[in-house]
Amino acid sequence: MKDLTHFNTAGEAHMVDVGAKPDTPRQAIAAGCIRMLPDTLARIHAGDHKKGDVLGIARIAGIMATKRTADLIPLCHPLALTRVEVDLWTEAEPPAVQVRATVATRGPTGVEMEALTAVQIALLTIYDMCKAVDRGMSIEQVRLVEKSGGKSGHWTRDDRSAAIAAGEE
């Protein structure tokens, strides 16, 4: 098992020194969903929600969140992002909105936290905008799907990881 990198030899938390690491292209993809009542999804589709375009606002919130990740997550490095894409789509059965964030940079450390933050904030924005009609919504399956770049190279979630994340193992 690998050592946890955010602790020094005395067991104290610290920000990892990435100064000597080379700048390389890095990308991360994260995903998640929010399940809801059919009527809530119908309101999102109709676009007549009194707070505005739910999916459009959630997309902007997710993008904005990536730029604030270092402010939200202790010990996370502030990064110069080169690409942020947040995709949202709906599913009828069960009624849900799916979110997928792709984040990229060229630097000494990865963007997994930024991708995960984008997904979480987009989902929380949907919850916030729709909670007046559906407090029972459920944010689920937020996970890293894929990452590339750096010393550890390319990683893709495999079937076993997906089953564990879904609580099936």
N, C-alpha and C. Protein backbone atom coordinates (compact mmCIF):
# COMPACT_ATOMS: atom_id res chain seq x y z
N MET A 1 0.84 -1.18 0.00
CA MET A 1 0.00 0.00 0.00
C MET A 1 0.88 1.24 0.00
N LYS A 2 0.50 2.25 -0.77
CA LYS A 2 1.27 3.49 -0.84
C LYS A 2 1.08 4.31 0.42
N ASP A 3 2.09 5.12 0.74
CA ASP A 3 1.99 6.03 1.88
C ASP A 3 1.08 7.19 1.55
N LEU A 4 0.43 7.74 2.59
CA LEU A 4 -0.36 8.95 2.41
C LEU A 4 0.61 10.12 2.29
N THR A 5 0.49 10.89 1.23
CA THR A 5 1.48 11.92 0.93
C THR A 5 1.27 13.23 1.68
N HIS A 6 0.12 13.42 2.29
CA HIS A 6 -0.16 14.70 2.95
C HIS A 6 0.25 14.73 4.43
N PHE A 7 1.09 13.74 4.83
CA PHE A 7 1.60 13.72 6.20
C PHE A 7 3.11 13.61 6.15
N ASN A 8 3.79 14.39 7.00
CA ASN A 8 5.25 14.30 7.06
C ASN A 8 5.65 13.13 7.96
N THR A 9 6.94 12.96 8.19
CA THR A 9 7.42 11.81 8.96
C THR A 9 6.96 11.85 10.41
N ALA A 10 6.59 13.02 10.90
CA ALA A 10 6.09 13.15 12.27
C ALA A 10 4.57 12.95 12.34
N GLY A 11 3.95 12.68 11.19
CA GLY A 11 2.51 12.47 11.16
C GLY A 11 1.69 13.74 11.08
N GLU A 12 2.35 14.86 10.81
CA GLU A 12 1.66 16.14 10.73
C GLU A 12 1.24 16.43 9.28
N ALA A 13 0.08 17.05 9.13
CA ALA A 13 -0.39 17.40 7.79
C ALA A 13 0.50 18.48 7.19
N HIS A 14 0.75 18.36 5.89
CA HIS A 14 1.52 19.38 5.16
C HIS A 14 1.12 19.34 3.69
N MET A 15 1.41 20.44 3.00
CA MET A 15 1.17 20.49 1.56
C MET A 15 2.37 19.84 0.88
N VAL A 16 2.11 18.90 0.01
CA VAL A 16 3.16 18.17 -0.69
C VAL A 16 3.96 19.13 -1.55
N ASP A 17 5.29 18.98 -1.52
CA ASP A 17 6.17 19.81 -2.35
C ASP A 17 6.20 19.22 -3.76
N VAL A 18 5.64 19.96 -4.72
CA VAL A 18 5.64 19.49 -6.11
C VAL A 18 6.61 20.30 -6.96
N GLY A 19 7.43 21.11 -6.32
CA GLY A 19 8.34 22.01 -7.03
C GLY A 19 9.32 21.34 -7.96
N ALA A 20 9.76 20.16 -7.63
CA ALA A 20 10.74 19.46 -8.47
C ALA A 20 10.09 18.57 -9.53
N LYS A 21 8.79 18.45 -9.49
CA LYS A 21 8.10 17.59 -10.45
C LYS A 21 7.97 18.32 -11.79
N PRO A 22 8.11 17.59 -12.89
CA PRO A 22 8.01 18.24 -14.20
C PRO A 22 6.55 18.59 -14.55
N ASP A 23 6.38 19.66 -15.31
CA ASP A 23 5.06 20.00 -15.84
C ASP A 23 4.72 19.01 -16.94
N THR A 24 3.60 18.35 -16.79
CA THR A 24 3.13 17.41 -17.81
C THR A 24 1.64 17.66 -18.03
N PRO A 25 1.11 17.27 -19.20
CA PRO A 25 -0.33 17.39 -19.40
C PRO A 25 -1.05 16.43 -18.45
N ARG A 26 -2.10 16.93 -17.82
CA ARG A 26 -2.86 16.12 -16.87
C ARG A 26 -4.35 16.35 -17.11
N GLN A 27 -5.12 15.30 -16.96
CA GLN A 27 -6.57 15.41 -17.14
C GLN A 27 -7.26 14.48 -16.16
N ALA A 28 -8.44 14.89 -15.70
CA ALA A 28 -9.25 14.03 -14.84
C ALA A 28 -10.71 14.16 -15.25
N ILE A 29 -11.42 13.05 -15.14
CA ILE A 29 -12.86 13.02 -15.43
C ILE A 29 -13.55 12.45 -14.20
N ALA A 30 -14.57 13.16 -13.73
CA ALA A 30 -15.37 12.71 -12.60
C ALA A 30 -16.84 12.72 -13.01
N ALA A 31 -17.65 11.97 -12.28
CA ALA A 31 -19.08 11.89 -12.61
C ALA A 31 -19.89 11.69 -11.34
N GLY A 32 -21.19 11.93 -11.45
CA GLY A 32 -22.12 11.70 -10.36
C GLY A 32 -23.53 11.97 -10.85
N CYS A 33 -24.52 11.75 -9.99
CA CYS A 33 -25.90 12.01 -10.39
C CYS A 33 -26.73 12.46 -9.20
N ILE A 34 -27.87 13.04 -9.52
CA ILE A 34 -28.84 13.39 -8.50
C ILE A 34 -30.18 12.79 -8.92
N ARG A 35 -30.72 11.96 -8.06
CA ARG A 35 -32.01 11.32 -8.33
C ARG A 35 -33.11 12.18 -7.74
N MET A 36 -34.28 12.17 -8.39
CA MET A 36 -35.37 13.06 -8.00
C MET A 36 -36.71 12.49 -8.39
N LEU A 37 -37.76 13.18 -7.98
CA LEU A 37 -39.11 12.79 -8.37
C LEU A 37 -39.33 13.08 -9.86
N PRO A 38 -40.18 12.31 -10.52
CA PRO A 38 -40.47 12.57 -11.94
C PRO A 38 -40.96 14.01 -12.19
N ASP A 39 -41.76 14.56 -11.27
CA ASP A 39 -42.26 15.93 -11.44
C ASP A 39 -41.13 16.96 -11.40
N THR A 40 -40.13 16.70 -10.57
CA THR A 40 -38.98 17.61 -10.49
C THR A 40 -38.23 17.61 -11.81
N LEU A 41 -38.01 16.42 -12.36
CA LEU A 41 -37.33 16.32 -13.64
C LEU A 41 -38.15 16.99 -14.75
N ALA A 42 -39.47 16.84 -14.70
CA ALA A 42 -40.34 17.48 -15.69
C ALA A 42 -40.21 19.00 -15.63
N ARG A 43 -40.10 19.54 -14.43
CA ARG A 43 -39.93 21.00 -14.28
C ARG A 43 -38.59 21.46 -14.87
N ILE A 44 -37.56 20.65 -14.66
CA ILE A 44 -36.24 20.99 -15.23
C ILE A 44 -36.34 20.99 -16.75
N HIS A 45 -36.97 19.97 -17.32
CA HIS A 45 -37.14 19.89 -18.78
C HIS A 45 -37.96 21.04 -19.33
N ALA A 46 -39.01 21.41 -18.63
CA ALA A 46 -39.90 22.48 -19.10
C ALA A 46 -39.19 23.83 -19.11
N GLY A 47 -38.18 23.97 -18.28
CA GLY A 47 -37.44 25.23 -18.25
C GLY A 47 -38.20 26.38 -17.61
N ASP A 48 -39.27 26.05 -16.88
CA ASP A 48 -40.07 27.12 -16.28
C ASP A 48 -39.84 27.25 -14.78
N HIS A 49 -38.71 26.73 -14.32
CA HIS A 49 -38.38 26.81 -12.91
C HIS A 49 -38.22 28.29 -12.54
N LYS A 50 -38.81 28.72 -11.42
CA LYS A 50 -38.79 30.14 -11.09
C LYS A 50 -37.39 30.68 -10.79
N LYS A 51 -36.44 29.79 -10.49
CA LYS A 51 -35.07 30.24 -10.24
C LYS A 51 -34.24 30.30 -11.53
N GLY A 52 -34.79 29.84 -12.65
CA GLY A 52 -34.07 29.92 -13.92
C GLY A 52 -33.72 28.56 -14.50
N ASP A 53 -32.78 28.58 -15.45
CA ASP A 53 -32.32 27.39 -16.17
C ASP A 53 -31.47 26.53 -15.24
N VAL A 54 -32.04 25.50 -14.67
CA VAL A 54 -31.37 24.68 -13.66
C VAL A 54 -30.07 24.09 -14.20
N LEU A 55 -30.12 23.46 -15.35
CA LEU A 55 -28.92 22.80 -15.88
C LEU A 55 -27.85 23.81 -16.29
N GLY A 56 -28.26 24.92 -16.87
CA GLY A 56 -27.31 25.95 -17.27
C GLY A 56 -26.59 26.56 -16.07
N ILE A 57 -27.34 26.83 -15.03
CA ILE A 57 -26.75 27.41 -13.82
C ILE A 57 -25.85 26.39 -13.13
N ALA A 58 -26.27 25.13 -13.10
CA ALA A 58 -25.44 24.08 -12.50
C ALA A 58 -24.12 23.92 -13.26
N ARG A 59 -24.17 24.03 -14.59
CA ARG A 59 -22.94 23.94 -15.40
C ARG A 59 -21.97 25.06 -15.02
N ILE A 60 -22.47 26.28 -14.95
CA ILE A 60 -21.61 27.42 -14.59
C ILE A 60 -21.06 27.25 -13.17
N ALA A 61 -21.90 26.79 -12.23
CA ALA A 61 -21.45 26.58 -10.86
C ALA A 61 -20.31 25.55 -10.81
N GLY A 62 -20.45 24.47 -11.58
CA GLY A 62 -19.40 23.45 -11.61
C GLY A 62 -18.09 24.00 -12.16
N ILE A 63 -18.19 24.79 -13.22
CA ILE A 63 -16.98 25.39 -13.80
C ILE A 63 -16.33 26.34 -12.81
N MET A 64 -17.14 27.19 -12.20
CA MET A 64 -16.61 28.14 -11.21
C MET A 64 -15.96 27.42 -10.03
N ALA A 65 -16.54 26.31 -9.62
CA ALA A 65 -16.03 25.58 -8.47
C ALA A 65 -14.62 25.05 -8.70
N THR A 66 -14.32 24.64 -9.93
CA THR A 66 -12.98 24.10 -10.19
C THR A 66 -11.91 25.13 -9.87
N LYS A 67 -12.24 26.40 -10.12
CA LYS A 67 -11.27 27.48 -9.89
C LYS A 67 -11.11 27.81 -8.41
N ARG A 68 -11.98 27.28 -7.55
CA ARG A 68 -11.94 27.55 -6.11
C ARG A 68 -11.54 26.32 -5.30
N THR A 69 -11.17 25.25 -5.96
CA THR A 69 -10.89 24.00 -5.26
C THR A 69 -9.83 24.17 -4.18
N ALA A 70 -8.75 24.87 -4.47
CA ALA A 70 -7.68 25.05 -3.48
C ALA A 70 -8.16 25.85 -2.27
N ASP A 71 -9.20 26.66 -2.43
CA ASP A 71 -9.77 27.40 -1.30
C ASP A 71 -10.66 26.51 -0.44
N LEU A 72 -11.19 25.45 -1.03
CA LEU A 72 -12.15 24.59 -0.34
C LEU A 72 -11.52 23.35 0.29
N ILE A 73 -10.50 22.80 -0.35
CA ILE A 73 -9.89 21.55 0.10
C ILE A 73 -8.53 21.85 0.72
N PRO A 74 -8.38 21.62 2.02
CA PRO A 74 -7.08 21.89 2.65
C PRO A 74 -5.96 21.10 1.97
N LEU A 75 -4.82 21.72 1.83
CA LEU A 75 -3.60 21.12 1.29
C LEU A 75 -3.65 20.89 -0.22
N CYS A 76 -4.68 21.38 -0.89
CA CYS A 76 -4.80 21.25 -2.33
C CYS A 76 -4.08 22.42 -3.00
N HIS A 77 -3.26 22.15 -4.00
CA HIS A 77 -2.51 23.20 -4.68
C HIS A 77 -3.42 24.03 -5.60
N PRO A 78 -3.23 25.35 -5.63
CA PRO A 78 -3.93 26.15 -6.63
C PRO A 78 -3.31 25.87 -8.01
N LEU A 79 -4.16 25.66 -9.01
CA LEU A 79 -3.67 25.25 -10.32
C LEU A 79 -4.15 26.20 -11.42
N ALA A 80 -3.34 26.31 -12.45
CA ALA A 80 -3.75 27.03 -13.66
C ALA A 80 -4.44 26.02 -14.57
N LEU A 81 -5.75 26.08 -14.62
CA LEU A 81 -6.51 25.12 -15.43
C LEU A 81 -6.49 25.54 -16.88
N THR A 82 -6.39 24.55 -17.77
CA THR A 82 -6.38 24.85 -19.20
C THR A 82 -7.69 24.47 -19.87
N ARG A 83 -8.51 23.64 -19.19
CA ARG A 83 -9.79 23.23 -19.77
C ARG A 83 -10.71 22.75 -18.66
N VAL A 84 -11.95 23.21 -18.72
CA VAL A 84 -12.99 22.70 -17.82
C VAL A 84 -14.25 22.53 -18.64
N GLU A 85 -14.77 21.32 -18.63
CA GLU A 85 -16.01 21.04 -19.35
C GLU A 85 -16.94 20.29 -18.39
N VAL A 86 -18.15 20.81 -18.23
CA VAL A 86 -19.14 20.17 -17.37
C VAL A 86 -20.35 19.84 -18.23
N ASP A 87 -20.63 18.55 -18.36
CA ASP A 87 -21.77 18.09 -19.16
C ASP A 87 -22.85 17.59 -18.22
N LEU A 88 -24.09 17.94 -18.53
CA LEU A 88 -25.25 17.48 -17.77
C LEU A 88 -26.27 16.91 -18.73
N TRP A 89 -26.90 15.81 -18.33
CA TRP A 89 -27.99 15.26 -19.12
C TRP A 89 -28.97 14.58 -18.17
N THR A 90 -30.18 14.41 -18.66
CA THR A 90 -31.22 13.83 -17.82
C THR A 90 -31.51 12.39 -18.23
N GLU A 91 -32.02 11.64 -17.28
CA GLU A 91 -32.46 10.27 -17.53
C GLU A 91 -33.86 10.13 -16.94
N ALA A 92 -34.74 9.47 -17.70
CA ALA A 92 -36.14 9.34 -17.28
C ALA A 92 -36.34 8.25 -16.23
N GLU A 93 -35.63 7.14 -16.33
CA GLU A 93 -35.84 6.01 -15.41
C GLU A 93 -34.53 5.49 -14.86
N PRO A 94 -34.29 5.62 -13.60
CA PRO A 94 -35.04 6.43 -12.67
C PRO A 94 -34.76 7.91 -12.96
N PRO A 95 -35.68 8.81 -12.59
CA PRO A 95 -35.50 10.22 -12.91
C PRO A 95 -34.25 10.79 -12.24
N ALA A 96 -33.36 11.35 -13.05
CA ALA A 96 -32.08 11.83 -12.53
C ALA A 96 -31.44 12.80 -13.50
N VAL A 97 -30.50 13.57 -12.97
CA VAL A 97 -29.59 14.36 -13.78
C VAL A 97 -28.20 13.79 -13.56
N GLN A 98 -27.53 13.48 -14.65
CA GLN A 98 -26.16 12.99 -14.62
C GLN A 98 -25.22 14.17 -14.88
N VAL A 99 -24.08 14.17 -14.19
CA VAL A 99 -23.07 15.22 -14.38
C VAL A 99 -21.72 14.55 -14.63
N ARG A 100 -21.00 15.09 -15.59
CA ARG A 100 -19.65 14.60 -15.91
C ARG A 100 -18.76 15.83 -16.11
N ALA A 101 -17.64 15.87 -15.39
CA ALA A 101 -16.71 16.99 -15.50
C ALA A 101 -15.36 16.50 -16.00
N THR A 102 -14.82 17.23 -16.96
CA THR A 102 -13.48 16.96 -17.49
C THR A 102 -12.65 18.20 -17.23
N VAL A 103 -11.52 18.01 -16.56
CA VAL A 103 -10.65 19.13 -16.19
C VAL A 103 -9.24 18.80 -16.64
N ALA A 104 -8.54 19.81 -17.17
CA ALA A 104 -7.17 19.60 -17.65
C ALA A 104 -6.27 20.75 -17.22
N THR A 105 -4.98 20.44 -17.14
CA THR A 105 -3.95 21.43 -16.86
C THR A 105 -2.64 20.91 -17.43
N ARG A 106 -1.65 21.76 -17.42
CA ARG A 106 -0.27 21.34 -17.68
C ARG A 106 0.50 21.81 -16.47
N GLY A 107 0.94 20.86 -15.66
CA GLY A 107 1.59 21.24 -14.42
C GLY A 107 2.18 20.07 -13.68
N PRO A 108 2.64 20.31 -12.43
CA PRO A 108 3.31 19.27 -11.65
C PRO A 108 2.38 18.40 -10.81
N THR A 109 1.08 18.69 -10.82
CA THR A 109 0.15 17.90 -10.01
C THR A 109 -1.18 17.75 -10.73
N GLY A 110 -1.93 16.74 -10.37
CA GLY A 110 -3.15 16.39 -11.09
C GLY A 110 -4.36 17.24 -10.74
N VAL A 111 -5.45 16.99 -11.47
CA VAL A 111 -6.68 17.77 -11.36
C VAL A 111 -7.88 16.92 -10.93
N GLU A 112 -7.60 15.81 -10.25
CA GLU A 112 -8.70 14.97 -9.78
C GLU A 112 -9.63 15.72 -8.83
N MET A 113 -9.06 16.46 -7.90
CA MET A 113 -9.89 17.18 -6.93
C MET A 113 -10.75 18.24 -7.61
N GLU A 114 -10.21 18.88 -8.63
CA GLU A 114 -10.98 19.90 -9.36
C GLU A 114 -12.16 19.27 -10.09
N ALA A 115 -11.95 18.11 -10.70
CA ALA A 115 -13.04 17.43 -11.41
C ALA A 115 -14.12 16.97 -10.42
N LEU A 116 -13.71 16.41 -9.30
CA LEU A 116 -14.67 15.98 -8.28
C LEU A 116 -15.43 17.15 -7.68
N THR A 117 -14.74 18.26 -7.48
CA THR A 117 -15.39 19.46 -6.94
C THR A 117 -16.42 19.99 -7.93
N ALA A 118 -16.09 20.00 -9.21
CA ALA A 118 -17.04 20.46 -10.23
C ALA A 118 -18.33 19.64 -10.18
N VAL A 119 -18.20 18.33 -10.10
CA VAL A 119 -19.37 17.45 -10.06
C VAL A 119 -20.20 17.72 -8.81
N GLN A 120 -19.54 17.76 -7.66
CA GLN A 120 -20.27 17.96 -6.40
C GLN A 120 -21.02 19.30 -6.39
N ILE A 121 -20.38 20.35 -6.83
CA ILE A 121 -21.01 21.67 -6.78
C ILE A 121 -22.13 21.76 -7.82
N ALA A 122 -21.96 21.18 -8.98
CA ALA A 122 -23.06 21.16 -9.96
C ALA A 122 -24.27 20.43 -9.38
N LEU A 123 -24.04 19.30 -8.74
CA LEU A 123 -25.13 18.53 -8.13
C LEU A 123 -25.78 19.29 -6.98
N LEU A 124 -24.97 19.91 -6.14
CA LEU A 124 -25.51 20.71 -5.03
C LEU A 124 -26.32 21.90 -5.54
N THR A 125 -25.92 22.47 -6.66
CA THR A 125 -26.66 23.58 -7.25
C THR A 125 -28.04 23.12 -7.71
N ILE A 126 -28.09 21.95 -8.33
CA ILE A 126 -29.38 21.39 -8.75
C ILE A 126 -30.25 21.17 -7.51
N TYR A 127 -29.67 20.61 -6.46
CA TYR A 127 -30.43 20.40 -5.23
C TYR A 127 -30.96 21.73 -4.70
N ASP A 128 -30.11 22.71 -4.63
CA ASP A 128 -30.51 24.02 -4.10
C ASP A 128 -31.64 24.63 -4.92
N MET A 129 -31.55 24.53 -6.22
CA MET A 129 -32.56 25.15 -7.08
C MET A 129 -33.89 24.42 -7.04
N CYS A 130 -33.87 23.13 -6.72
CA CYS A 130 -35.10 22.32 -6.78
C CYS A 130 -35.62 21.88 -5.42
N LYS A 131 -34.95 22.22 -4.35
CA LYS A 131 -35.34 21.71 -3.03
C LYS A 131 -36.72 22.17 -2.59
N ALA A 132 -37.21 23.28 -3.10
CA ALA A 132 -38.55 23.75 -2.71
C ALA A 132 -39.64 22.78 -3.15
N VAL A 133 -39.37 22.02 -4.23
CA VAL A 133 -40.39 21.07 -4.71
C VAL A 133 -40.02 19.62 -4.44
N ASP A 134 -38.74 19.36 -4.03
CA ASP A 134 -38.32 17.97 -3.85
C ASP A 134 -37.14 17.90 -2.88
N ARG A 135 -37.43 17.84 -1.59
CA ARG A 135 -36.36 17.76 -0.59
C ARG A 135 -35.76 16.35 -0.51
N GLY A 136 -36.39 15.38 -1.14
CA GLY A 136 -35.93 14.00 -1.09
C GLY A 136 -34.93 13.63 -2.16
N MET A 137 -34.44 14.60 -2.93
CA MET A 137 -33.44 14.29 -3.96
C MET A 137 -32.22 13.64 -3.30
N SER A 138 -31.51 12.83 -4.07
CA SER A 138 -30.37 12.09 -3.53
C SER A 138 -29.18 12.23 -4.47
N ILE A 139 -28.09 12.77 -3.94
CA ILE A 139 -26.84 12.88 -4.70
C ILE A 139 -26.11 11.54 -4.54
N GLU A 140 -25.74 10.94 -5.67
CA GLU A 140 -25.19 9.59 -5.63
C GLU A 140 -24.02 9.39 -6.59
N GLN A 141 -23.24 8.38 -6.30
CA GLN A 141 -22.20 7.84 -7.18
C GLN A 141 -21.19 8.88 -7.66
N VAL A 142 -20.83 9.84 -6.81
CA VAL A 142 -19.78 10.79 -7.19
C VAL A 142 -18.47 10.03 -7.14
N ARG A 143 -17.74 10.07 -8.26
CA ARG A 143 -16.53 9.26 -8.35
C ARG A 143 -15.60 9.77 -9.43
N LEU A 144 -14.32 9.42 -9.25
CA LEU A 144 -13.34 9.66 -10.30
C LEU A 144 -13.52 8.56 -11.33
N VAL A 145 -13.61 8.93 -12.59
CA VAL A 145 -13.82 7.98 -13.68
C VAL A 145 -12.50 7.65 -14.37
N GLU A 146 -11.67 8.68 -14.53
CA GLU A 146 -10.42 8.50 -15.27
C GLU A 146 -9.48 9.64 -14.95
N LYS A 147 -8.17 9.34 -14.98
CA LYS A 147 -7.16 10.39 -14.86
C LYS A 147 -5.97 10.00 -15.71
N SER A 148 -5.28 11.03 -16.20
CA SER A 148 -4.08 10.76 -16.99
C SER A 148 -3.03 11.82 -16.68
N GLY A 149 -1.78 11.44 -16.93
CA GLY A 149 -0.66 12.34 -16.73
C GLY A 149 0.08 12.06 -15.44
N GLY A 150 1.27 12.64 -15.35
CA GLY A 150 2.08 12.48 -14.15
C GLY A 150 2.77 11.15 -14.08
N LYS A 151 3.46 10.94 -12.96
CA LYS A 151 4.26 9.73 -12.77
C LYS A 151 3.39 8.47 -12.73
N SER A 152 2.19 8.59 -12.18
CA SER A 152 1.34 7.40 -12.07
C SER A 152 0.64 7.05 -13.38
N GLY A 153 0.72 7.94 -14.37
CA GLY A 153 0.20 7.62 -15.69
C GLY A 153 -1.31 7.64 -15.79
N HIS A 154 -1.82 6.74 -16.63
CA HIS A 154 -3.24 6.70 -16.95
C HIS A 154 -3.95 5.71 -16.03
N TRP A 155 -5.11 6.13 -15.52
CA TRP A 155 -5.94 5.26 -14.67
C TRP A 155 -7.38 5.39 -15.11
N THR A 156 -8.06 4.26 -15.23
CA THR A 156 -9.49 4.24 -15.56
C THR A 156 -10.19 3.35 -14.55
N ARG A 157 -11.34 3.81 -14.08
CA ARG A 157 -12.13 3.02 -13.14
C ARG A 157 -12.48 1.69 -13.79
N ASP A 158 -12.21 0.60 -13.10
CA ASP A 158 -12.54 -0.72 -13.63
C ASP A 158 -13.88 -1.18 -13.06
N ASP A 159 -14.36 -2.30 -13.52
CA ASP A 159 -15.66 -2.83 -13.08
C ASP A 159 -15.70 -3.10 -11.58
N ARG A 160 -14.60 -3.60 -11.02
CA ARG A 160 -14.58 -3.89 -9.58
C ARG A 160 -14.65 -2.59 -8.78
N SER A 161 -13.89 -1.57 -9.19
CA SER A 161 -13.94 -0.28 -8.51
C SER A 161 -15.34 0.30 -8.58
N ALA A 162 -15.97 0.17 -9.71
CA ALA A 162 -17.33 0.69 -9.88
C ALA A 162 -18.30 -0.04 -8.97
N ALA A 163 -18.15 -1.36 -8.84
CA ALA A 163 -19.04 -2.14 -7.98
C ALA A 163 -18.84 -1.78 -6.51
N ILE A 164 -17.59 -1.59 -6.10
CA ILE A 164 -17.31 -1.19 -4.73
C ILE A 164 -17.91 0.19 -4.45
N ALA A 165 -17.72 1.13 -5.38
CA ALA A 165 -18.26 2.48 -5.21
C ALA A 165 -19.78 2.47 -5.12
N ALA A 166 -20.41 1.54 -5.80
CA ALA A 166 -21.87 1.44 -5.79
C ALA A 166 -22.37 0.63 -4.61
N GLY A 167 -21.45 0.12 -3.77
CA GLY A 167 -21.84 -0.65 -2.60
C GLY A 167 -22.27 -2.08 -2.92
N GLU A 168 -21.85 -2.58 -4.07
CA GLU A 168 -22.24 -3.92 -4.50
C GLU A 168 -21.24 -4.98 -4.09
N GLU A 169 -20.11 -4.59 -3.49
CA GLU A 169 -19.10 -5.55 -3.04
C GLU A 169 -18.71 -5.26 -1.63
